[in-house]
Structures are given as C-alpha cells and as structure tokens.
C-alpha atoms as a PDB file:
ATOM      1  CA  MET A   1     149.376  67.643  80.095  1.00  0.00           C
ATOM      2  CA  HIS A   2     147.041  66.818  82.918  1.00  0.00           C
ATOM      3  CA  ASP A   3     143.464  66.256  81.795  1.00  0.00           C
ATOM      4  CA  GLY A   4     141.743  66.848  85.159  1.00  0.00           C
ATOM      5  CA  SER A   5     140.239  63.359  85.341  1.00  0.00           C
ATOM      6  CA  ILE A   6     142.659  62.258  88.019  1.00  0.00           C
ATOM      7  CA  PRO A   7     143.310  64.722  90.962  1.00  0.00           C
ATOM      8  CA  LEU A   8     146.865  66.000  91.132  1.00  0.00           C
ATOM      9  CA  PRO A   9     148.835  65.237  94.317  1.00  0.00           C
ATOM     10  CA  LEU A  10     149.484  68.118  96.655  1.00  0.00           C
ATOM     11  CA  ASP A  11     152.626  70.088  95.853  1.00  0.00           C
ATOM     12  CA  PRO A  12     154.878  69.361  98.889  1.00  0.00           C
ATOM     13  CA  ARG A  13     156.096  72.987  98.850  1.00  0.00           C
ATOM     14  CA  LYS A  14     152.572  74.247  99.713  1.00  0.00           C
ATOM     15  CA  PHE A  15     151.244  74.997 103.202  1.00  0.00           C
ATOM     16  CA  GLN A  16     154.677  74.980 104.809  1.00  0.00           C
ATOM     17  CA  ASP A  17     155.141  78.625 105.945  1.00  0.00           C
ATOM     18  CA  PRO A  18     152.316  80.289 107.967  1.00  0.00           C
ATOM     19  CA  LEU A  19     153.339  83.704 106.540  1.00  0.00           C
ATOM     20  CA  LEU A  20     154.117  82.950 102.859  1.00  0.00           C
ATOM     21  CA  THR A  21     152.823  80.605 100.209  1.00  0.00           C
ATOM     22  CA  ALA A  22     154.984  78.393  98.054  1.00  0.00           C
ATOM     23  CA  LYS A  23     155.044  81.282  95.467  1.00  0.00           C
ATOM     24  CA  GLY A  24     156.284  83.719  98.091  1.00  0.00           C
ATOM     25  CA  GLU A  25     152.951  85.576  98.360  1.00  0.00           C
ATOM     26  CA  ARG A  26     151.510  86.738 101.703  1.00  0.00           C
ATOM     27  CA  ARG A  27     149.302  84.028 103.094  1.00  0.00           C
ATOM     28  CA  ALA A  28     145.700  84.953 104.134  1.00  0.00           C
ATOM     29  CA  TRP A  29     144.880  85.123 107.866  1.00  0.00           C
ATOM     30  CA  VAL A  30     141.536  85.161 109.595  1.00  0.00           C
ATOM     31  CA  GLY A  31     140.833  87.011 112.735  1.00  0.00           C
ATOM     32  CA  LEU A  32     138.256  85.930 115.313  1.00  0.00           C
ATOM     33  CA  GLU A  33     135.437  88.485 114.780  1.00  0.00           C
ATOM     34  CA  ALA A  34     133.288  87.109 117.531  1.00  0.00           C
ATOM     35  CA  LEU A  35     133.083  83.627 119.188  1.00  0.00           C
ATOM     36  CA  GLU A  36     129.523  82.765 118.066  1.00  0.00           C
ATOM     37  CA  THR A  37     129.943  78.970 118.164  1.00  0.00           C
ATOM     38  CA  LEU A  38     132.086  76.809 120.493  1.00  0.00           C
ATOM     39  CA  TRP A  39     132.448  73.219 119.504  1.00  0.00           C
ATOM     40  CA  PHE A  40     133.363  70.360 121.872  1.00  0.00           C
ATOM     41  CA  ASN A  41     134.807  67.161 120.317  1.00  0.00           C
ATOM     42  CA  THR A  42     133.471  64.711 122.892  1.00  0.00           C
ATOM     43  CA  GLY A  43     136.069  62.109 121.810  1.00  0.00           C
ATOM     44  CA  THR A  44     137.016  60.338 118.600  1.00  0.00           C
ATOM     45  CA  LEU A  45     135.493  56.910 119.508  1.00  0.00           C
ATOM     46  CA  CYS A  46     132.663  55.980 117.214  1.00  0.00           C
ATOM     47  CA  ASN A  47     130.426  52.920 116.676  1.00  0.00           C
ATOM     48  CA  LEU A  48     131.339  53.042 112.913  1.00  0.00           C
ATOM     49  CA  THR A  49     134.476  53.024 110.854  1.00  0.00           C
ATOM     50  CA  CYS A  50     133.750  55.093 107.763  1.00  0.00           C
ATOM     51  CA  GLU A  51     135.737  54.864 104.608  1.00  0.00           C
ATOM     52  CA  HIS A  52     136.596  58.569 104.383  1.00  0.00           C
ATOM     53  CA  CYS A  53     136.267  60.018 107.848  1.00  0.00           C
ATOM     54  CA  TYR A  54     138.371  63.182 108.064  1.00  0.00           C
ATOM     55  CA  ILE A  55     138.885  62.665 111.835  1.00  0.00           C
ATOM     56  CA  GLU A  56     139.479  58.869 111.526  1.00  0.00           C
ATOM     57  CA  SER A  57     136.833  58.074 114.092  1.00  0.00           C
ATOM     58  CA  SER A  58     136.323  54.404 114.835  1.00  0.00           C
ATOM     59  CA  PRO A  59     135.588  51.948 117.709  1.00  0.00           C
ATOM     60  CA  ARG A  60     139.342  51.975 118.413  1.00  0.00           C
ATOM     61  CA  ASN A  61     140.588  55.514 117.784  1.00  0.00           C
ATOM     62  CA  ASP A  62     140.761  57.322 121.095  1.00  0.00           C
ATOM     63  CA  ARG A  63     143.388  59.942 120.042  1.00  0.00           C
ATOM     64  CA  LEU A  64     140.918  62.509 121.321  1.00  0.00           C
ATOM     65  CA  SER A  65     139.721  61.441 124.740  1.00  0.00           C
ATOM     66  CA  TYR A  66     136.289  61.752 126.247  1.00  0.00           C
ATOM     67  CA  LEU A  67     135.648  65.180 127.599  1.00  0.00           C
ATOM     68  CA  SER A  68     134.099  65.439 130.991  1.00  0.00           C
ATOM     69  CA  THR A  69     131.176  67.597 132.020  1.00  0.00           C
ATOM     70  CA  ALA A  70     133.441  69.578 134.292  1.00  0.00           C
ATOM     71  CA  GLU A  71     135.829  70.383 131.464  1.00  0.00           C
ATOM     72  CA  VAL A  72     132.889  71.587 129.334  1.00  0.00           C
ATOM     73  CA  VAL A  73     131.530  73.675 132.174  1.00  0.00           C
ATOM     74  CA  ALA A  74     134.831  75.419 132.659  1.00  0.00           C
ATOM     75  CA  TYR A  75     134.611  76.845 129.126  1.00  0.00           C
ATOM     76  CA  LEU A  76     130.973  77.756 129.598  1.00  0.00           C
ATOM     77  CA  ASP A  77     132.062  79.621 132.686  1.00  0.00           C
ATOM     78  CA  GLU A  78     134.671  81.473 130.748  1.00  0.00           C
ATOM     79  CA  ILE A  79     132.089  82.498 128.114  1.00  0.00           C
ATOM     80  CA  GLU A  80     129.932  84.051 130.883  1.00  0.00           C
ATOM     81  CA  ARG A  81     132.812  85.512 132.799  1.00  0.00           C
ATOM     82  CA  GLU A  82     134.297  87.220 129.751  1.00  0.00           C
ATOM     83  CA  GLY A  83     130.902  88.250 128.296  1.00  0.00           C
ATOM     84  CA  LEU A  84     131.605  86.480 124.994  1.00  0.00           C
ATOM     85  CA  PRO A  85     128.820  86.562 122.453  1.00  0.00           C
ATOM     86  CA  THR A  86     128.579  82.857 121.985  1.00  0.00           C
ATOM     87  CA  ARG A  87     125.114  81.594 121.089  1.00  0.00           C
ATOM     88  CA  LEU A  88     125.652  77.986 120.035  1.00  0.00           C
ATOM     89  CA  ILE A  89     127.438  75.115 121.702  1.00  0.00           C
ATOM     90  CA  GLY A  90     128.142  72.246 119.279  1.00  0.00           C
ATOM     91  CA  PHE A  91     129.029  68.689 120.085  1.00  0.00           C
ATOM     92  CA  THR A  92     130.790  66.492 117.620  1.00  0.00           C
ATOM     93  CA  GLY A  93     132.957  63.352 117.673  1.00  0.00           C
ATOM     94  CA  GLY A  94     133.445  60.529 116.988  1.00  0.00           C
ATOM     95  CA  GLU A  95     129.835  59.775 117.975  1.00  0.00           C
ATOM     96  CA  PRO A  96     128.876  62.173 120.782  1.00  0.00           C
ATOM     97  CA  PHE A  97     126.247  59.934 122.234  1.00  0.00           C
ATOM     98  CA  MET A  98     128.988  57.354 123.146  1.00  0.00           C
ATOM     99  CA  ASN A  99     130.397  59.864 125.680  1.00  0.00           C
ATOM    100  CA  PRO A 100     129.093  58.741 129.059  1.00  0.00           C
ATOM    101  CA  GLN A 101     128.525  62.425 130.188  1.00  0.00           C
ATOM    102  CA  ILE A 102     126.969  63.792 127.017  1.00  0.00           C
ATOM    103  CA  MET A 103     123.575  64.295 128.458  1.00  0.00           C
ATOM    104  CA  ALA A 104     124.922  66.346 131.401  1.00  0.00           C
ATOM    105  CA  MET A 105     126.942  68.471 129.002  1.00  0.00           C
ATOM    106  CA  LEU A 106     123.826  69.129 126.933  1.00  0.00           C
ATOM    107  CA  GLU A 107     121.698  69.915 130.003  1.00  0.00           C
ATOM    108  CA  GLY A 108     124.444  72.336 131.284  1.00  0.00           C
ATOM    109  CA  SER A 109     124.600  74.165 127.938  1.00  0.00           C
ATOM    110  CA  LEU A 110     120.871  74.468 127.486  1.00  0.00           C
ATOM    111  CA  ALA A 111     120.327  75.541 131.164  1.00  0.00           C
ATOM    112  CA  ARG A 112     122.625  78.560 130.557  1.00  0.00           C
ATOM    113  CA  GLY A 113     120.530  79.686 127.547  1.00  0.00           C
ATOM    114  CA  PHE A 114     122.766  78.446 124.777  1.00  0.00           C
ATOM    115  CA  GLY A 115     121.510  76.707 121.736  1.00  0.00           C
ATOM    116  CA  ALA A 116     122.892  73.182 121.511  1.00  0.00           C
ATOM    117  CA  LEU A 117     123.641  71.197 118.313  1.00  0.00           C
ATOM    118  CA  VAL A 118     124.616  67.571 118.302  1.00  0.00           C
ATOM    119  CA  LEU A 119     126.104  65.793 115.256  1.00  0.00           C
ATOM    120  CA  THR A 120     125.223  62.085 115.275  1.00  0.00           C
ATOM    121  CA  ASN A 121     124.771  59.082 113.066  1.00  0.00           C
ATOM    122  CA  ALA A 122     121.403  58.473 114.913  1.00  0.00           C
ATOM    123  CA  MET A 123     122.210  54.847 115.505  1.00  0.00           C
ATOM    124  CA  LYS A 124     122.408  52.669 118.635  1.00  0.00           C
ATOM    125  CA  PRO A 125     124.293  55.105 120.834  1.00  0.00           C
ATOM    126  CA  MET A 126     121.537  57.670 120.305  1.00  0.00           C
ATOM    127  CA  ALA A 127     118.842  55.137 120.714  1.00  0.00           C
ATOM    128  CA  GLN A 128     120.150  54.273 124.189  1.00  0.00           C
ATOM    129  CA  ARG A 129     119.581  57.880 125.157  1.00  0.00           C
ATOM    130  CA  LYS A 130     115.964  58.192 124.000  1.00  0.00           C
ATOM    131  CA  ALA A 131     114.407  58.758 127.454  1.00  0.00           C
ATOM    132  CA  ALA A 132     117.008  61.393 128.315  1.00  0.00           C
ATOM    133  CA  LEU A 133     116.650  63.092 125.004  1.00  0.00           C
ATOM    134  CA  LEU A 134     112.924  63.316 125.380  1.00  0.00           C
ATOM    135  CA  GLY A 135     113.458  64.990 128.759  1.00  0.00           C
ATOM    136  CA  LEU A 136     115.678  67.592 127.102  1.00  0.00           C
ATOM    137  CA  ARG A 137     113.141  68.121 124.341  1.00  0.00           C
ATOM    138  CA  GLU A 138     110.415  68.679 126.908  1.00  0.00           C
ATOM    139  CA  ARG A 139     112.466  71.221 128.928  1.00  0.00           C
ATOM    140  CA  TRP A 140     114.271  73.124 126.185  1.00  0.00           C
ATOM    141  CA  GLY A 141     112.343  72.519 122.962  1.00  0.00           C
ATOM    142  CA  ASP A 142     113.914  73.754 119.782  1.00  0.00           C
ATOM    143  CA  HIS A 143     116.992  75.125 121.657  1.00  0.00           C
ATOM    144  CA  LEU A 144     118.335  71.614 121.007  1.00  0.00           C
ATOM    145  CA  THR A 145     119.015  70.688 117.378  1.00  0.00           C
ATOM    146  CA  ILE A 146     119.997  67.166 116.303  1.00  0.00           C
ATOM    147  CA  ARG A 147     121.922  66.985 112.991  1.00  0.00           C
ATOM    148  CA  VAL A 148     121.918  63.513 111.480  1.00  0.00           C
ATOM    149  CA  SER A 149     124.663  62.396 109.093  1.00  0.00           C
ATOM    150  CA  LEU A 150     123.355  60.726 105.869  1.00  0.00           C
ATOM    151  CA  ASP A 151     126.149  60.400 103.322  1.00  0.00           C
ATOM    152  CA  HIS A 152     123.685  60.213 100.370  1.00  0.00           C
ATOM    153  CA  TYR A 153     119.969  60.197  99.682  1.00  0.00           C
ATOM    154  CA  GLY A 154     120.343  56.557  98.651  1.00  0.00           C
ATOM    155  CA  ARG A 155     121.326  53.482 100.529  1.00  0.00           C
ATOM    156  CA  GLU A 156     124.077  52.282  98.211  1.00  0.00           C
ATOM    157  CA  VAL A 157     126.404  55.278  98.525  1.00  0.00           C
ATOM    158  CA  HIS A 158     125.699  55.690 102.184  1.00  0.00           C
ATOM    159  CA  GLU A 159     126.528  52.031 103.025  1.00  0.00           C
ATOM    160  CA  ARG A 160     129.604  52.103 100.768  1.00  0.00           C
ATOM    161  CA  GLU A 161     130.983  54.759 103.081  1.00  0.00           C
ATOM    162  CA  ARG A 162     129.596  53.585 106.431  1.00  0.00           C
ATOM    163  CA  GLY A 163     129.187  49.845 106.097  1.00  0.00           C
ATOM    164  CA  GLN A 164     126.454  47.336 105.517  1.00  0.00           C
ATOM    165  CA  LYS A 165     123.155  47.655 107.496  1.00  0.00           C
ATOM    166  CA  THR A 166     123.867  51.285 108.463  1.00  0.00           C
ATOM    167  CA  TRP A 167     121.235  52.928 106.302  1.00  0.00           C
ATOM    168  CA  GLN A 168     118.011  51.702 107.839  1.00  0.00           C
ATOM    169  CA  THR A 169     119.206  52.158 111.323  1.00  0.00           C
ATOM    170  CA  THR A 170     119.975  55.775 110.698  1.00  0.00           C
ATOM    171  CA  ILE A 171     116.698  56.308 108.865  1.00  0.00           C
ATOM    172  CA  ASP A 172     114.823  54.770 111.834  1.00  0.00           C
ATOM    173  CA  GLY A 173     116.651  57.177 114.153  1.00  0.00           C
ATOM    174  CA  LEU A 174     115.758  60.099 111.968  1.00  0.00           C
ATOM    175  CA  LEU A 175     112.119  59.112 111.881  1.00  0.00           C
ATOM    176  CA  TRP A 176     112.023  58.785 115.677  1.00  0.00           C
ATOM    177  CA  LEU A 177     113.435  62.309 116.029  1.00  0.00           C
ATOM    178  CA  GLN A 178     110.861  63.595 113.589  1.00  0.00           C
ATOM    179  CA  GLU A 179     107.991  61.758 115.373  1.00  0.00           C
ATOM    180  CA  LYS A 180     109.000  63.214 118.689  1.00  0.00           C
ATOM    181  CA  GLY A 181     109.213  66.839 117.409  1.00  0.00           C
ATOM    182  CA  PHE A 182     112.901  67.466 117.682  1.00  0.00           C
ATOM    183  CA  SER A 183     114.560  70.280 115.851  1.00  0.00           C
ATOM    184  CA  LEU A 184     116.265  68.484 112.974  1.00  0.00           C
ATOM    185  CA  ALA A 185     118.937  68.956 110.392  1.00  0.00           C
ATOM    186  CA  VAL A 186     120.692  66.566 108.025  1.00  0.00           C
ATOM    187  CA  ALA A 187     124.306  66.682 106.961  1.00  0.00           C
ATOM    188  CA  THR A 188     125.578  65.077 103.787  1.00  0.00           C
ATOM    189  CA  ARG A 189     128.561  64.930 101.549  1.00  0.00           C
ATOM    190  CA  ARG A 190     129.517  65.095  97.878  1.00  0.00           C
ATOM    191  CA  LEU A 191     130.781  61.465  97.868  1.00  0.00           C
ATOM    192  CA  SER A 192     128.712  60.557  94.804  1.00  0.00           C
ATOM    193  CA  GLY A 193     130.351  63.141  92.581  1.00  0.00           C
ATOM    194  CA  GLU A 194     127.026  64.801  91.869  1.00  0.00           C
ATOM    195  CA  GLU A 195     126.679  68.525  91.778  1.00  0.00           C
ATOM    196  CA  GLU A 196     124.957  70.112  94.807  1.00  0.00           C
ATOM    197  CA  PRO A 197     121.658  70.878  93.087  1.00  0.00           C
ATOM    198  CA  ALA A 198     121.286  67.160  92.167  1.00  0.00           C
ATOM    199  CA  ILE A 199     122.042  66.146  95.722  1.00  0.00           C
ATOM    200  CA  ARG A 200     119.346  68.465  97.058  1.00  0.00           C
ATOM    201  CA  ARG A 201     116.826  67.179  94.565  1.00  0.00           C
ATOM    202  CA  GLY A 202     117.646  63.655  95.706  1.00  0.00           C
ATOM    203  CA  PHE A 203     117.169  64.529  99.277  1.00  0.00           C
ATOM    204  CA  ALA A 204     113.945  66.363  98.557  1.00  0.00           C
ATOM    205  CA  ARG A 205     112.593  63.093  97.191  1.00  0.00           C
ATOM    206  CA  LEU A 206     113.822  61.179 100.253  1.00  0.00           C
ATOM    207  CA  PHE A 207     112.315  63.576 102.705  1.00  0.00           C
ATOM    208  CA  GLN A 208     109.046  63.455 100.807  1.00  0.00           C
ATOM    209  CA  GLU A 209     109.035  59.682 100.838  1.00  0.00           C
ATOM    210  CA  LEU A 210     109.712  59.561 104.553  1.00  0.00           C
ATOM    211  CA  ASP A 211     107.413  62.441 105.384  1.00  0.00           C
ATOM    212  CA  ILE A 212     110.324  64.282 106.982  1.00  0.00           C
ATOM    213  CA  ALA A 213     109.518  67.992 107.446  1.00  0.00           C
ATOM    214  CA  LEU A 214     112.798  69.330 106.070  1.00  0.00           C
ATOM    215  CA  ASP A 215     113.328  71.677 103.147  1.00  0.00           C
ATOM    216  CA  ALA A 216     116.217  70.226 101.090  1.00  0.00           C
ATOM    217  CA  GLU A 217     116.865  73.609  99.442  1.00  0.00           C
ATOM    218  CA  ASP A 218     117.436  75.245 102.889  1.00  0.00           C
ATOM    219  CA  PRO A 219     121.161  75.212 103.627  1.00  0.00           C
ATOM    220  CA  LEU A 220     120.427  75.121 107.331  1.00  0.00           C
ATOM    221  CA  SER A 221     118.233  72.077 107.087  1.00  0.00           C
ATOM    222  CA  LEU A 222     120.346  70.193 104.668  1.00  0.00           C
ATOM    223  CA  VAL A 223     124.050  70.906 105.001  1.00  0.00           C
ATOM    224  CA  VAL A 224     126.038  69.721 101.952  1.00  0.00           C
ATOM    225  CA  PHE A 225     129.773  69.489 102.863  1.00  0.00           C
ATOM    226  CA  PRO A 226     132.560  69.566 100.293  1.00  0.00           C
ATOM    227  CA  GLU A 227     134.801  66.565 100.341  1.00  0.00           C
ATOM    228  CA  MET A 228     138.252  66.947 101.890  1.00  0.00           C
ATOM    229  CA  ASP A 229     141.479  65.140 101.023  1.00  0.00           C
ATOM    230  CA  ALA A 230     144.682  66.763 102.209  1.00  0.00           C
ATOM    231  CA  ARG A 231     146.694  64.747  99.703  1.00  0.00           C
ATOM    232  CA  VAL A 232     145.069  66.449  96.680  1.00  0.00           C
ATOM    233  CA  ASP A 233     146.393  69.632  95.244  1.00  0.00           C
ATOM    234  CA  VAL A 234     144.493  72.881  96.002  1.00  0.00           C
ATOM    235  CA  PRO A 235     145.423  76.538  95.588  1.00  0.00           C
ATOM    236  CA  GLU A 236     146.922  78.333  98.621  1.00  0.00           C
ATOM    237  CA  ILE A 237     144.887  81.309  99.832  1.00  0.00           C
ATOM    238  CA  THR A 238     146.641  84.601  99.663  1.00  0.00           C
ATOM    239  CA  GLU A 239     145.618  88.055 100.951  1.00  0.00           C
ATOM    240  CA  ALA A 240     144.725  88.968  97.361  1.00  0.00           C
ATOM    241  CA  CYS A 241     142.310  86.019  97.035  1.00  0.00           C
ATOM    242  CA  TRP A 242     139.577  87.791  99.080  1.00  0.00           C
ATOM    243  CA  GLY A 243     139.179  90.410  96.393  1.00  0.00           C
ATOM    244  CA  ILE A 244     139.584  87.912  93.521  1.00  0.00           C
ATOM    245  CA  LEU A 245     136.943  85.555  94.949  1.00  0.00           C
ATOM    246  CA  GLY A 246     134.657  88.293  96.241  1.00  0.00           C
ATOM    247  CA  LYS A 247     134.697  86.833  99.726  1.00  0.00           C
ATOM    248  CA  SER A 248     135.293  88.221 103.159  1.00  0.00           C
ATOM    249  CA  PRO A 249     137.514  86.677 105.828  1.00  0.00           C
ATOM    250  CA  LYS A 250     134.430  87.051 108.121  1.00  0.00           C
ATOM    251  CA  SER A 251     132.689  84.307 106.081  1.00  0.00           C
ATOM    252  CA  VAL A 252     135.273  81.629 107.021  1.00  0.00           C
ATOM    253  CA  MET A 253     134.521  79.324 109.945  1.00  0.00           C
ATOM    254  CA  CYS A 254     137.479  80.348 112.113  1.00  0.00           C
ATOM    255  CA  ALA A 255     136.158  83.960 112.131  1.00  0.00           C
ATOM    256  CA  SER A 256     133.298  82.819 114.435  1.00  0.00           C
ATOM    257  CA  SER A 257     134.133  79.504 116.021  1.00  0.00           C
ATOM    258  CA  ARG A 258     136.552  77.361 117.888  1.00  0.00           C
ATOM    259  CA  MET A 259     136.716  73.740 119.015  1.00  0.00           C
ATOM    260  CA  VAL A 260     137.801  72.204 122.300  1.00  0.00           C
ATOM    261  CA  VAL A 261     139.566  68.768 122.326  1.00  0.00           C
ATOM    262  CA  LYS A 262     141.360  66.687 124.860  1.00  0.00           C
ATOM    263  CA  ARG A 263     144.279  64.740 123.433  1.00  0.00           C
ATOM    264  CA  LYS A 264     144.853  61.239 124.827  1.00  0.00           C
ATOM    265  CA  GLY A 265     147.136  61.437 127.843  1.00  0.00           C
ATOM    266  CA  ALA A 266     146.923  65.214 128.133  1.00  0.00           C
ATOM    267  CA  PRO A 267     146.195  66.764 131.511  1.00  0.00           C
ATOM    268  CA  ARG A 268     143.802  69.399 130.136  1.00  0.00           C
ATOM    269  CA  PRO A 269     141.827  70.195 127.045  1.00  0.00           C
ATOM    270  CA  VAL A 270     142.991  72.663 124.423  1.00  0.00           C
ATOM    271  CA  VAL A 271     141.305  74.960 121.945  1.00  0.00           C
ATOM    272  CA  LEU A 272     141.749  74.540 118.236  1.00  0.00           C
ATOM    273  CA  ALA A 273     141.220  76.893 115.346  1.00  0.00           C
ATOM    274  CA  CYS A 274     138.409  74.801 113.872  1.00  0.00           C
ATOM    275  CA  THR A 275     136.720  71.437 113.718  1.00  0.00           C
ATOM    276  CA  LEU A 276     138.434  70.203 110.586  1.00  0.00           C
ATOM    277  CA  ILE A 277     142.059  69.971 111.660  1.00  0.00           C
ATOM    278  CA  PRO A 278     142.016  68.109 115.032  1.00  0.00           C
ATOM    279  CA  TYR A 279     145.517  66.613 115.052  1.00  0.00           C
ATOM    280  CA  GLU A 280     147.689  69.453 113.696  1.00  0.00           C
ATOM    281  CA  PRO A 281     149.770  71.093 116.463  1.00  0.00           C
ATOM    282  CA  ALA A 282     150.038  74.286 114.501  1.00  0.00           C
ATOM    283  CA  PHE A 283     146.326  74.928 114.883  1.00  0.00           C
ATOM    284  CA  GLU A 284     146.365  74.450 118.691  1.00  0.00           C
ATOM    285  CA  LEU A 285     145.794  77.902 120.115  1.00  0.00           C
ATOM    286  CA  GLY A 286     145.990  77.451 123.895  1.00  0.00           C
ATOM    287  CA  GLU A 287     144.040  76.114 126.823  1.00  0.00           C
ATOM    288  CA  THR A 288     141.611  79.015 127.239  1.00  0.00           C
ATOM    289  CA  LEU A 289     139.249  80.830 124.985  1.00  0.00           C
ATOM    290  CA  ALA A 290     141.157  84.001 125.612  1.00  0.00           C
ATOM    291  CA  GLU A 291     144.403  82.478 124.348  1.00  0.00           C
ATOM    292  CA  ALA A 292     142.526  81.126 121.342  1.00  0.00           C
ATOM    293  CA  SER A 293     141.181  84.497 120.237  1.00  0.00           C
ATOM    294  CA  ARG A 294     144.186  85.299 118.024  1.00  0.00           C
ATOM    295  CA  ALA A 295     144.117  85.256 114.221  1.00  0.00           C
ATOM    296  CA  VAL A 296     144.672  81.963 112.272  1.00  0.00           C
ATOM    297  CA  PRO A 297     146.810  81.521 109.151  1.00  0.00           C
ATOM    298  CA  LEU A 298     145.032  79.607 106.379  1.00  0.00           C
ATOM    299  CA  ASN A 299     147.950  77.222 106.208  1.00  0.00           C
ATOM    300  CA  HIS A 300     146.186  73.856 105.505  1.00  0.00           C
ATOM    301  CA  PRO A 301     144.600  72.307 102.430  1.00  0.00           C
ATOM    302  CA  HIS A 302     141.254  72.043 104.278  1.00  0.00           C
ATOM    303  CA  CYS A 303     141.334  75.865 104.742  1.00  0.00           C
ATOM    304  CA  ALA A 304     141.274  76.274 101.024  1.00  0.00           C
ATOM    305  CA  LYS A 305     139.236  73.240  99.814  1.00  0.00           C
ATOM    306  CA  PHE A 306     136.475  73.250 102.468  1.00  0.00           C
ATOM    307  CA  CYS A 307     136.163  76.733 103.857  1.00  0.00           C
ATOM    308  CA  VAL A 308     137.266  79.352 101.323  1.00  0.00           C
ATOM    309  CA  LEU A 309     136.687  77.561  97.945  1.00  0.00           C
ATOM    310  CA  GLY A 310     134.051  75.033  99.085  1.00  0.00           C
ATOM    311  CA  GLY A 311     132.047  77.399 101.202  1.00  0.00           C
ATOM    312  CA  GLY A 312     131.607  74.791 103.965  1.00  0.00           C
ATOM    313  CA  SER A 313     130.807  75.564 107.571  1.00  0.00           C
ATOM    314  CA  CYS A 314     130.212  73.176 110.401  1.00  0.00           C
ATOM    315  CA  ALA A 315     128.670  75.892 112.581  1.00  0.00           C
ATOM    316  CA  ARG A 316     125.362  76.235 110.727  1.00  0.00           C
ATOM    317  CA  ALA A 317     122.512  75.067 112.868  1.00  0.00           C
ATOM    318  CA  GLY A 318     118.873  74.435 112.124  1.00  0.00           C
END
C-alpha cells in the first residue's frame, strides 16, 4: 500500500486521448469565454538556470525565440480589428527584460490603452532598463505592473532554487521598484512544502521588514503558485468533475487567456492554449487569435494539478 510520502509516478495511460480519460470517461473541455488576457512569451533565454523551471529557461535555452515588436503589434492589431475584450497584455519568458525590443513592446501595449504586466526576476536585465522603465512609469502610471518572482520569503529556499547570490539582487530590484512608485506584485511557489497560509505569513513578515507596501493576504499582490511536475500522478478532469468540485470551467485560465510564442526556426509566431504548456504541439491552436478561440481539452497533468485542483492562474494582475 502506498503511504503518500513519496509521490506516485504518472500512470502512462492518462492524458493520451483528448476526448476520453484512461477510465473511458468524457474528458472536460474549456471554451474561451472572452480573451481578457493575452500573454507573449518574449523568449526562453534567461539570466538564471533554476532547479525547477517549468519552461526550462536558461542562458542557453532558445527553443522559444525572441519575439519582435512587429509580431506583438500584429496581435494587438487583431484585438482592435476584431473588437476583442482584451484588457491585459502579459509578458513572460525566460526573462522578458533580456529581449532587446521589450520596452517597445510595452510602450506599444500601453499606448493602446491595455494594462501591461511583466514577470521578472528583477535582476541585472531589469536594472539595465531602469531609465526606460521610469519613462513608462511617468507616462502610464499604474497601467504597468511589474510582478517579481521570489521563490520563498527566505534566502535559503530561494537560492536553493535559483542559485547563490540571487536573493539580494532580486530584493534590491524589488526595493527600487517600490521606491520609484511602480505598481508591484510578487509571485512565489510552494517549494518549501508549507501550506499557503504559512507562506503568506512569512511574506507578510518580509514585506514589513523591507517596508514593501504589499498585502500578503491579497491574492493579486502575492500570487502563490502550485508546484507542477508532469511526471507525478494526478487525477484526470472529467465533465463530471465540475459538479463534484463545485467549480466552473470559466474559472480556468484557458477560458480567458492565450499565449503567443515563436518556436526556434519557425517563420511566424503561434498561439497556445495557455502559459504552462509551451512545448506541446497538441496545445498549439493556430497563428491567429481567431484560430485560437476554439475550446481546449484538459489533456495534460498541468491542467489538473495547476489550474483545476491547484486553483492557479498566471493572468491575475496587481
């Protein structure tokens, strides 16, 4: 009998058929209710190599190439042309501030009236953009939000994940953003094995020590992401699960967002179902937002672990 202390490996029969689960039950699908958030993965290159990066970002991983401003603008044009209800444009990576055209992408998004959200480790690549960031802050104020990744409220766990001497540099970047009045948020993970309330209490102490004006109990100010490991067993989500769990398909990330990526060597970007599954061909929905508006089968462990059971969403902004 399994005692639960060691995670079971994923049953290889699961997540194979987009229509049916391994038990032959009808798999849950999620339709796009409204494209509220459009994410751009600016490229998988990063200044860090983290221990458990779901997208495997590193200084050498360029499986997702740098997007260009022109490619981003083409999707913003489609949003306007089709009258889509998109409110937020998110930028993730890799480390977005390593993309040479990131500031033009942000300017182009903000100038059209969108909110913009950047996910960053707040280290050297961001520091090199300080003057340009201050210009955006002056022109667009709180329409621009910077979400800083801190893997724990303590140095030890954070540096175990991200490497030595990464803690203080990120803290310095966070303090600079606070000093200059940027709209801020922090994203963290459950790497330590603590329950979410304990994590929030730890961050409350850290924010108080640093005099950071963030409420650790606010899920928009401090986003606590579930851990993801596609090798670990997790239940498949069936149509019946919505009633059993008391959840609506509308609450899942792919009901309101999509992500644009450009694969290395590809002539054009493509639109994916979500931010969590960047390399899976089955979640590639087309080259346009119109093509990507179709329903998505919850046919991946991350769909269950992160979104449905974990309640995670990358699209929340401060």
